[in-house]
Amino acid sequence: MSMPHTRPGNPNFSSGPCAKRPGWTPSALAGAFLGRSHRSTEGKARLAEVIDRHRTLLRLPDDYRLAIVPASDTGAMEMAMWTMLGARGVDMLAWESFGAGWVSDVTNQLKLQDVRALKAEYGLLPDLGQVDFDRDVVFTWNGTTSGVRVPNGDWIPADRKGLTFCDATSAVFAMELPWEKLDIATWSWQKVLGGEAAHGMLVLSPRAVERLESFVPPRPLPKIFRLTKGGKLEEGPFKGLTINTPSMLAVEDCIDALKWAESIGGLDALIARCNANFKVIDQWVAARDWVDFLAKDPVTRSCTSICLALSDDVPLDAAALAAAPKRIAQRLDDVGVAYDIGAYRDAPPGLRIWGGATVESADMAALTPWLDWAYAEIFETAAAD
């Protein structure tokens, strides 16, 4: 098969950090508030702007709180779990590496006693009907390393007694989230917005605030996890007074991404862009017999972290079949067509292509012939061996 002529305009298909917004250059950061205190009037105003623009774009309920917190989505989820878990038993849902990581943290670090882990293999969801909402529930909305997402929030009851803790980092700005079903949600700037890393966002429902103010965790809390003072919610982080020092360069970049999102039509336009990217891959996969989605059920397939696996029908021995995706990814990296599209290290062998809103569907379409080319080249080499 001959090498395709058309290349993606932007070969950055990494699932995190993700492609910058279309047209981005370093000049977008020219107005960054640098060399000054983030606690100054202007510094706090920039941080509050990030919070306010997020709130408006995501259409958060008026009584939900939103804060910028340390250490990306991981820090936000750890903060939520360390400060609020333990008041009730907890159901932990895991079907990929990050969900499995939360299970490990709750059992091995927090050492909670009343924990149920509801797990599924890569490509599948656990039985959502088994979740007990009298308990707290911790889950990822979109499995970033498996490409498997929950299809909607219908499985979460409105009259639940426990709290829902949702790691939504590769879902926010890409999928419709039923905020009334989510008591705690977390994400980072470097996914669908294409922002820079190290900063997380934490959303709290009124029920989550009530838990914070009524429950004293039976464990020491690091300073960067503390959200209450004197038994009341510490309001500072929800107004731009961050717990630790943020990067004001990253803050400026986040504001730029949020302004771009507003300029193209807001949340609906971002979701539409993600769906358009997924449609390109979906149609391409449907016409191929050598590749398939890792997610078995079409309604659970992610439109952002699009995970693919080689078909079992590919006429290669087991070792060559397992090695082929990594070789495809490396070949496309070598020719500068697609960077960082190998499967996550803990996932089954495969490809993972980011389809978030900062990716152009034209670039996704340009990528697909190169995937065919790389597969053909790898297959021919393996067959010759």
Protein backbone atom coordinates (compact mmCIF):
# COMPACT_ATOMS: atom_id res chain seq x y z
CA MET A 1 0.00 0.00 0.00
CA SER A 2 1.43 3.38 -0.97
CA MET A 3 1.93 6.13 1.58
CA PRO A 4 -1.07 8.54 1.72
CA HIS A 5 -0.57 12.06 0.39
CA THR A 6 -2.69 14.06 2.86
CA ARG A 7 -1.42 14.54 6.40
CA PRO A 8 -3.36 15.72 9.45
CA GLY A 9 -2.79 19.44 9.95
CA ASN A 10 -2.15 18.71 13.62
CA PRO A 11 -0.69 15.27 14.46
CA ASN A 12 -1.32 15.64 18.21
CA PHE A 13 -3.80 12.90 19.12
CA SER A 14 -2.56 12.32 22.66
CA SER A 15 -5.15 11.59 25.35
CA GLY A 16 -3.46 13.92 27.79
CA PRO A 17 -2.12 16.51 27.65
CA CYS A 18 -4.31 16.96 24.61
CA ALA A 19 -4.13 19.06 21.46
CA LYS A 20 -4.30 22.82 21.95
CA ARG A 21 -7.35 24.61 20.57
CA PRO A 22 -7.28 25.31 16.81
CA GLY A 23 -5.16 28.33 15.96
CA TRP A 24 -3.35 28.39 19.31
CA THR A 25 0.12 29.93 19.46
CA PRO A 26 2.18 31.07 22.45
CA SER A 27 1.05 34.63 21.71
CA ALA A 28 -2.30 33.65 23.27
CA LEU A 29 -0.52 33.93 26.63
CA ALA A 30 0.82 37.44 26.03
CA GLY A 31 -1.51 38.94 28.62
CA ALA A 32 -0.66 36.46 31.37
CA PHE A 33 -0.57 37.91 34.89
CA LEU A 34 3.03 36.97 35.70
CA GLY A 35 5.44 37.97 38.43
CA ARG A 36 2.60 39.04 40.70
CA SER A 37 0.80 37.42 43.59
CA HIS A 38 -2.15 35.20 42.75
CA ARG A 39 -3.71 36.63 45.92
CA SER A 40 -3.62 40.19 44.61
CA THR A 41 -6.87 41.72 43.41
CA GLU A 42 -6.07 41.05 39.76
CA GLY A 43 -4.69 37.58 40.48
CA LYS A 44 -7.85 36.54 42.30
CA ALA A 45 -9.92 38.06 39.50
CA ARG A 46 -8.19 35.85 36.89
CA LEU A 47 -8.79 32.74 38.96
CA ALA A 48 -12.40 33.71 39.59
CA GLU A 49 -12.78 34.20 35.83
CA VAL A 50 -11.74 30.59 35.24
CA ILE A 51 -14.38 29.45 37.73
CA ASP A 52 -17.11 31.71 36.36
CA ARG A 53 -16.50 30.79 32.72
CA HIS A 54 -16.51 27.10 33.60
CA ARG A 55 -19.75 27.49 35.50
CA THR A 56 -21.49 29.31 32.66
CA LEU A 57 -20.23 27.04 29.87
CA LEU A 58 -21.15 23.85 31.73
CA ARG A 59 -24.53 25.21 32.84
CA LEU A 60 -23.93 24.22 36.46
CA PRO A 61 -26.86 24.56 38.89
CA ASP A 62 -26.78 27.84 40.79
CA ASP A 63 -26.39 26.11 44.15
CA TYR A 64 -23.39 23.99 43.11
CA ARG A 65 -19.93 25.11 44.23
CA LEU A 66 -16.89 25.07 41.92
CA ALA A 67 -13.24 25.42 42.92
CA ILE A 68 -9.75 25.28 41.41
CA VAL A 69 -7.68 22.75 43.36
CA PRO A 70 -4.13 21.37 43.22
CA ALA A 71 -2.76 18.41 41.28
CA SER A 72 -5.08 18.09 38.31
CA ASP A 73 -8.02 15.67 38.28
CA THR A 74 -6.11 13.25 40.48
CA GLY A 75 -5.74 15.87 43.21
CA ALA A 76 -9.40 16.81 42.96
CA MET A 77 -10.57 13.21 43.29
CA GLU A 78 -8.19 12.48 46.15
CA MET A 79 -9.37 15.63 47.92
CA ALA A 80 -13.00 14.55 47.57
CA MET A 81 -12.41 10.99 48.73
CA TRP A 82 -10.16 11.85 51.68
CA THR A 83 -12.51 14.53 52.99
CA MET A 84 -15.91 12.89 52.44
CA LEU A 85 -15.66 9.09 52.27
CA GLY A 86 -16.22 7.02 55.40
CA ALA A 87 -19.57 8.35 56.56
CA ARG A 88 -21.30 5.48 54.73
CA GLY A 89 -20.30 2.29 53.02
CA VAL A 90 -19.03 2.85 49.50
CA ASP A 91 -19.51 1.14 46.15
CA MET A 92 -16.48 1.55 43.90
CA LEU A 93 -16.96 1.05 40.15
CA ALA A 94 -13.93 0.15 38.04
CA TRP A 95 -13.58 -0.90 34.43
CA GLU A 96 -10.18 0.60 33.56
CA SER A 97 -6.96 1.74 35.20
CA PHE A 98 -8.05 5.02 36.78
CA GLY A 99 -11.17 3.53 38.32
CA ALA A 100 -9.03 0.67 39.59
CA GLY A 101 -6.69 3.27 41.07
CA TRP A 102 -9.50 4.81 43.08
CA VAL A 103 -10.40 1.35 44.40
CA SER A 104 -6.80 0.84 45.49
CA ASP A 105 -6.65 4.24 47.20
CA VAL A 106 -9.85 3.66 49.14
CA THR A 107 -8.90 0.17 50.29
CA ASN A 108 -5.13 0.48 50.72
CA GLN A 109 -4.65 4.14 51.70
CA LEU A 110 -7.91 5.25 53.31
CA LYS A 111 -8.34 1.67 54.53
CA LEU A 112 -12.13 1.92 54.62
CA GLN A 113 -13.75 -1.27 55.87
CA ASP A 114 -17.16 -1.22 54.17
CA VAL A 115 -16.15 -1.21 50.50
CA ARG A 116 -17.71 -3.06 47.58
CA ALA A 117 -15.70 -3.09 44.36
CA LEU A 118 -17.88 -3.64 41.28
CA LYS A 119 -15.45 -4.36 38.46
CA ALA A 120 -15.52 -5.21 34.77
CA GLU A 121 -12.87 -6.09 32.24
CA TYR A 122 -11.58 -3.55 29.74
CA GLY A 123 -14.26 -2.99 27.10
CA LEU A 124 -17.21 -3.57 29.43
CA LEU A 125 -19.13 -1.79 32.18
CA PRO A 126 -19.97 -3.34 35.55
CA ASP A 127 -23.63 -4.18 36.12
CA LEU A 128 -24.93 -0.73 37.03
CA GLY A 129 -28.11 -2.29 38.38
CA GLN A 130 -26.08 -3.75 41.25
CA VAL A 131 -25.08 -0.33 42.60
CA ASP A 132 -26.53 0.46 46.05
CA PHE A 133 -27.28 4.18 46.29
CA ASP A 134 -27.89 3.99 50.02
CA ARG A 135 -24.10 3.92 49.97
CA ASP A 136 -21.65 6.40 48.49
CA VAL A 137 -20.71 5.60 44.90
CA VAL A 138 -17.38 6.39 43.20
CA PHE A 139 -17.04 6.03 39.43
CA THR A 140 -15.51 7.46 36.29
CA TRP A 141 -17.96 8.85 33.76
CA ASN A 142 -15.64 8.07 30.88
CA GLY A 143 -12.94 5.44 31.18
CA THR A 144 -10.02 7.31 29.64
CA THR A 145 -7.87 4.19 29.23
CA SER A 146 -10.63 1.85 28.00
CA GLY A 147 -12.81 4.13 25.88
CA VAL A 148 -15.87 2.93 27.81
CA ARG A 149 -18.30 5.45 29.27
CA VAL A 150 -21.58 5.22 31.12
CA PRO A 151 -24.32 5.89 28.54
CA ASN A 152 -26.26 8.39 30.67
CA GLY A 153 -27.29 9.15 34.24
CA ASP A 154 -30.57 7.22 34.24
CA TRP A 155 -29.08 4.54 36.51
CA ILE A 156 -28.53 7.12 39.28
CA PRO A 157 -31.70 7.77 41.34
CA ALA A 158 -32.71 11.27 42.36
CA ASP A 159 -33.64 10.10 45.88
CA ARG A 160 -30.30 8.47 46.67
CA LYS A 161 -29.07 8.59 50.26
CA GLY A 162 -25.38 8.34 49.50
CA LEU A 163 -23.22 10.74 47.52
CA THR A 164 -22.03 10.18 43.95
CA PHE A 165 -18.33 10.88 43.32
CA CYS A 166 -17.67 11.23 39.59
CA ASP A 167 -14.26 11.42 37.96
CA ALA A 168 -15.37 13.26 34.81
CA THR A 169 -12.04 14.43 33.47
CA SER A 170 -12.34 13.13 29.89
CA ALA A 171 -16.12 13.70 29.77
CA VAL A 172 -16.60 17.32 30.84
CA PHE A 173 -17.12 19.61 27.81
CA ALA A 174 -17.53 16.52 25.60
CA MET A 175 -20.64 14.78 26.91
CA GLU A 176 -23.96 15.74 28.48
CA LEU A 177 -23.59 15.40 32.24
CA PRO A 178 -26.70 15.30 34.47
CA TRP A 179 -25.38 17.55 37.21
CA GLU A 180 -28.36 16.86 39.45
CA LYS A 181 -27.18 13.23 39.60
CA LEU A 182 -23.58 14.14 40.50
CA ASP A 183 -22.76 15.30 44.03
CA ILE A 184 -19.02 15.56 43.45
CA ALA A 185 -17.39 15.86 40.04
CA THR A 186 -13.77 16.45 39.09
CA TRP A 187 -11.77 17.19 35.96
CA SER A 188 -8.63 18.89 34.69
CA TRP A 189 -7.82 21.58 32.15
CA GLN A 190 -5.63 19.43 29.92
CA LYS A 191 -8.31 17.17 28.45
CA VAL A 192 -11.18 18.53 26.31
CA LEU A 193 -10.04 22.15 26.72
CA GLY A 194 -6.49 21.31 25.68
CA GLY A 195 -5.18 23.37 28.58
CA GLU A 196 -2.00 22.94 30.60
CA ALA A 197 -1.66 20.40 33.41
CA ALA A 198 -1.43 20.51 37.22
CA HIS A 199 -4.75 22.20 38.02
CA GLY A 200 -7.99 20.42 38.88
CA MET A 201 -11.62 21.47 39.14
CA LEU A 202 -13.93 20.30 41.92
CA VAL A 203 -17.73 20.60 41.84
CA LEU A 204 -19.80 20.13 44.99
CA SER A 205 -23.57 19.78 45.25
CA PRO A 206 -25.39 21.12 48.34
CA ARG A 207 -25.47 17.53 49.64
CA ALA A 208 -21.70 17.31 49.30
CA VAL A 209 -21.26 20.57 51.20
CA GLU A 210 -23.51 19.17 53.93
CA ARG A 211 -21.30 16.09 54.15
CA LEU A 212 -18.18 18.24 54.46
CA GLU A 213 -19.70 20.30 57.27
CA SER A 214 -21.15 17.37 59.22
CA PHE A 215 -18.53 14.63 58.81
CA VAL A 216 -15.12 14.66 60.47
CA PRO A 217 -12.85 12.16 58.70
CA PRO A 218 -11.08 9.75 61.09
CA ARG A 219 -7.71 10.49 59.53
CA PRO A 220 -5.22 13.35 59.21
CA LEU A 221 -5.78 15.58 56.17
CA PRO A 222 -2.90 17.23 54.30
CA LYS A 223 -3.25 21.00 54.04
CA ILE A 224 -4.02 20.89 50.32
CA PHE A 225 -7.06 18.65 51.00
CA ARG A 226 -8.72 20.82 53.67
CA LEU A 227 -12.00 22.37 52.54
CA THR A 228 -13.49 23.31 55.90
CA LYS A 229 -12.57 25.59 58.77
CA GLY A 230 -14.31 25.49 62.10
CA GLY A 231 -16.81 22.99 60.75
CA LYS A 232 -17.88 25.23 57.87
CA LEU A 233 -16.98 25.19 54.19
CA GLU A 234 -13.91 27.28 53.46
CA GLU A 235 -15.26 29.67 50.84
CA GLY A 236 -11.92 30.90 49.49
CA PRO A 237 -11.20 28.14 46.94
CA PHE A 238 -14.67 28.63 45.44
CA LYS A 239 -13.97 32.30 44.81
CA GLY A 240 -10.49 32.03 43.32
CA LEU A 241 -8.47 32.02 46.55
CA THR A 242 -6.66 28.78 45.80
CA ILE A 243 -5.20 26.54 48.50
CA ASN A 244 -1.76 26.56 46.90
CA THR A 245 0.03 28.72 44.36
CA PRO A 246 -1.27 28.12 40.82
CA SER A 247 0.57 28.74 37.58
CA MET A 248 -0.78 32.04 36.28
CA LEU A 249 0.57 31.08 32.85
CA ALA A 250 -1.63 27.97 32.92
CA VAL A 251 -4.51 30.11 34.20
CA GLU A 252 -4.15 32.43 31.20
CA ASP A 253 -4.07 29.44 28.87
CA CYS A 254 -7.24 28.07 30.44
CA ILE A 255 -9.01 31.41 30.02
CA ASP A 256 -7.95 31.43 26.37
CA ALA A 257 -9.41 27.94 25.86
CA LEU A 258 -12.65 28.89 27.59
CA LYS A 259 -12.99 32.01 25.44
CA TRP A 260 -12.44 29.89 22.34
CA ALA A 261 -15.15 27.49 23.50
CA GLU A 262 -17.54 30.40 23.96
CA SER A 263 -16.67 31.82 20.55
CA ILE A 264 -17.62 28.64 18.68
CA GLY A 265 -20.98 28.19 20.40
CA GLY A 266 -20.29 26.94 23.91
CA LEU A 267 -21.01 23.50 25.31
CA ASP A 268 -23.27 22.33 22.50
CA ALA A 269 -20.60 23.14 19.91
CA LEU A 270 -17.89 21.38 21.93
CA ILE A 271 -20.01 18.24 22.23
CA ALA A 272 -20.82 18.38 18.51
CA ARG A 273 -17.12 18.57 17.64
CA CYS A 274 -16.37 15.51 19.78
CA ASN A 275 -19.23 13.56 18.23
CA ALA A 276 -18.05 14.52 14.73
CA ASN A 277 -14.58 13.21 15.52
CA PHE A 278 -15.98 9.94 16.82
CA LYS A 279 -18.20 9.57 13.74
CA VAL A 280 -15.13 9.64 11.50
CA ILE A 281 -13.54 6.76 13.39
CA ASP A 282 -16.82 4.91 13.77
CA GLN A 283 -17.44 4.89 10.02
CA TRP A 284 -13.83 3.93 9.31
CA VAL A 285 -13.92 1.00 11.77
CA ALA A 286 -17.22 -0.24 10.33
CA ALA A 287 -15.56 -0.61 6.93
CA ARG A 288 -12.52 -2.53 8.23
CA ASP A 289 -12.14 -6.16 9.26
CA TRP A 290 -8.79 -5.77 11.02
CA VAL A 291 -9.76 -3.32 13.78
CA ASP A 292 -12.60 -2.84 16.23
CA PHE A 293 -13.52 -0.75 19.25
CA LEU A 294 -12.34 -1.99 22.63
CA ALA A 295 -15.77 -0.99 24.00
CA LYS A 296 -18.10 -3.87 23.16
CA ASP A 297 -21.44 -2.05 23.45
CA PRO A 298 -21.86 0.84 20.97
CA VAL A 299 -23.79 2.98 23.48
CA THR A 300 -20.80 2.92 25.84
CA ARG A 301 -18.18 4.00 23.29
CA SER A 302 -16.32 7.16 24.20
CA CYS A 303 -16.16 10.07 21.80
CA THR A 304 -12.97 11.40 23.40
CA SER A 305 -10.65 8.55 24.38
CA ILE A 306 -11.33 6.35 21.37
CA CYS A 307 -9.75 2.96 22.11
CA LEU A 308 -9.24 0.41 19.35
CA ALA A 309 -8.02 -3.18 19.26
CA LEU A 310 -6.92 -5.39 16.43
CA SER A 311 -9.47 -8.01 15.47
CA ASP A 312 -8.90 -11.58 16.58
CA ASP A 313 -9.48 -12.51 12.94
CA VAL A 314 -6.21 -10.87 11.87
CA PRO A 315 -4.04 -13.73 10.58
CA LEU A 316 -1.12 -13.19 12.93
CA ASP A 317 0.11 -15.36 15.77
CA ALA A 318 -0.62 -14.21 19.32
CA ALA A 319 2.75 -12.55 19.88
CA ALA A 320 2.67 -10.62 16.60
CA LEU A 321 -0.96 -9.60 17.19
CA ALA A 322 -0.09 -8.22 20.63
CA ALA A 323 2.93 -6.33 19.29
CA ALA A 324 1.26 -4.90 16.18
CA PRO A 325 -0.58 -1.90 17.76
CA LYS A 326 2.60 -0.58 19.35
CA ARG A 327 4.43 -0.95 16.05
CA ILE A 328 1.62 0.89 14.23
CA ALA A 329 1.74 3.73 16.74
CA GLN A 330 5.52 3.97 16.51
CA ARG A 331 5.45 3.94 12.70
CA LEU A 332 3.00 6.84 12.60
CA ASP A 333 5.09 8.69 15.17
CA ASP A 334 8.19 8.14 13.03
CA VAL A 335 6.60 9.75 9.98
CA GLY A 336 5.13 12.62 12.02
CA VAL A 337 1.50 11.78 11.29
CA ALA A 338 0.17 10.84 14.75
CA TYR A 339 1.84 11.18 18.12
CA ASP A 340 1.11 9.25 21.32
CA ILE A 341 -1.69 6.99 20.06
CA GLY A 342 -0.56 3.76 21.71
CA ALA A 343 -2.83 2.18 24.31
CA TYR A 344 -2.34 3.15 27.95
CA ARG A 345 0.33 1.05 29.65
CA ASP A 346 -2.17 -0.92 31.77
CA ALA A 347 -4.70 -1.44 28.96
CA PRO A 348 -4.84 -4.32 26.47
CA PRO A 349 -2.67 -3.86 23.35
CA GLY A 350 -4.32 -1.37 21.04
CA LEU A 351 -4.55 2.21 19.85
CA ARG A 352 -6.00 5.21 21.67
CA ILE A 353 -6.92 8.26 19.62
CA TRP A 354 -8.09 11.45 21.28
CA GLY A 355 -11.28 12.84 19.74
CA GLY A 356 -11.86 15.81 22.05
CA ALA A 357 -13.13 19.19 20.91
CA THR A 358 -9.72 20.70 20.15
CA VAL A 359 -9.16 18.05 17.45
CA GLU A 360 -10.40 18.91 13.97
CA SER A 361 -12.56 16.26 12.29
CA ALA A 362 -10.65 16.93 9.05
CA ASP A 363 -7.47 15.85 10.82
CA MET A 364 -9.22 12.74 12.11
CA ALA A 365 -10.32 11.94 8.56
CA ALA A 366 -6.80 12.50 7.28
CA LEU A 367 -5.45 10.11 9.90
CA THR A 368 -7.50 7.08 8.90
CA PRO A 369 -5.70 6.28 5.60
CA TRP A 370 -2.43 6.42 7.52
CA LEU A 371 -3.75 3.86 9.99
CA ASP A 372 -4.52 1.57 7.06
CA TRP A 373 -1.07 2.21 5.62
CA ALA A 374 0.73 1.49 8.89
CA TYR A 375 -1.29 -1.67 9.46
CA ALA A 376 -0.56 -2.90 5.95
CA GLU A 377 3.14 -2.24 6.42
CA ILE A 378 3.26 -4.00 9.78
CA PHE A 379 1.19 -6.91 8.51
CA GLU A 380 3.37 -7.39 5.45
CA THR A 381 6.49 -7.36 7.62
CA ALA A 382 5.01 -9.84 10.08
CA ALA A 383 3.80 -12.11 7.29
CA ALA A 384 7.26 -12.09 5.73
CA ASP A 385 8.80 -13.09 9.06
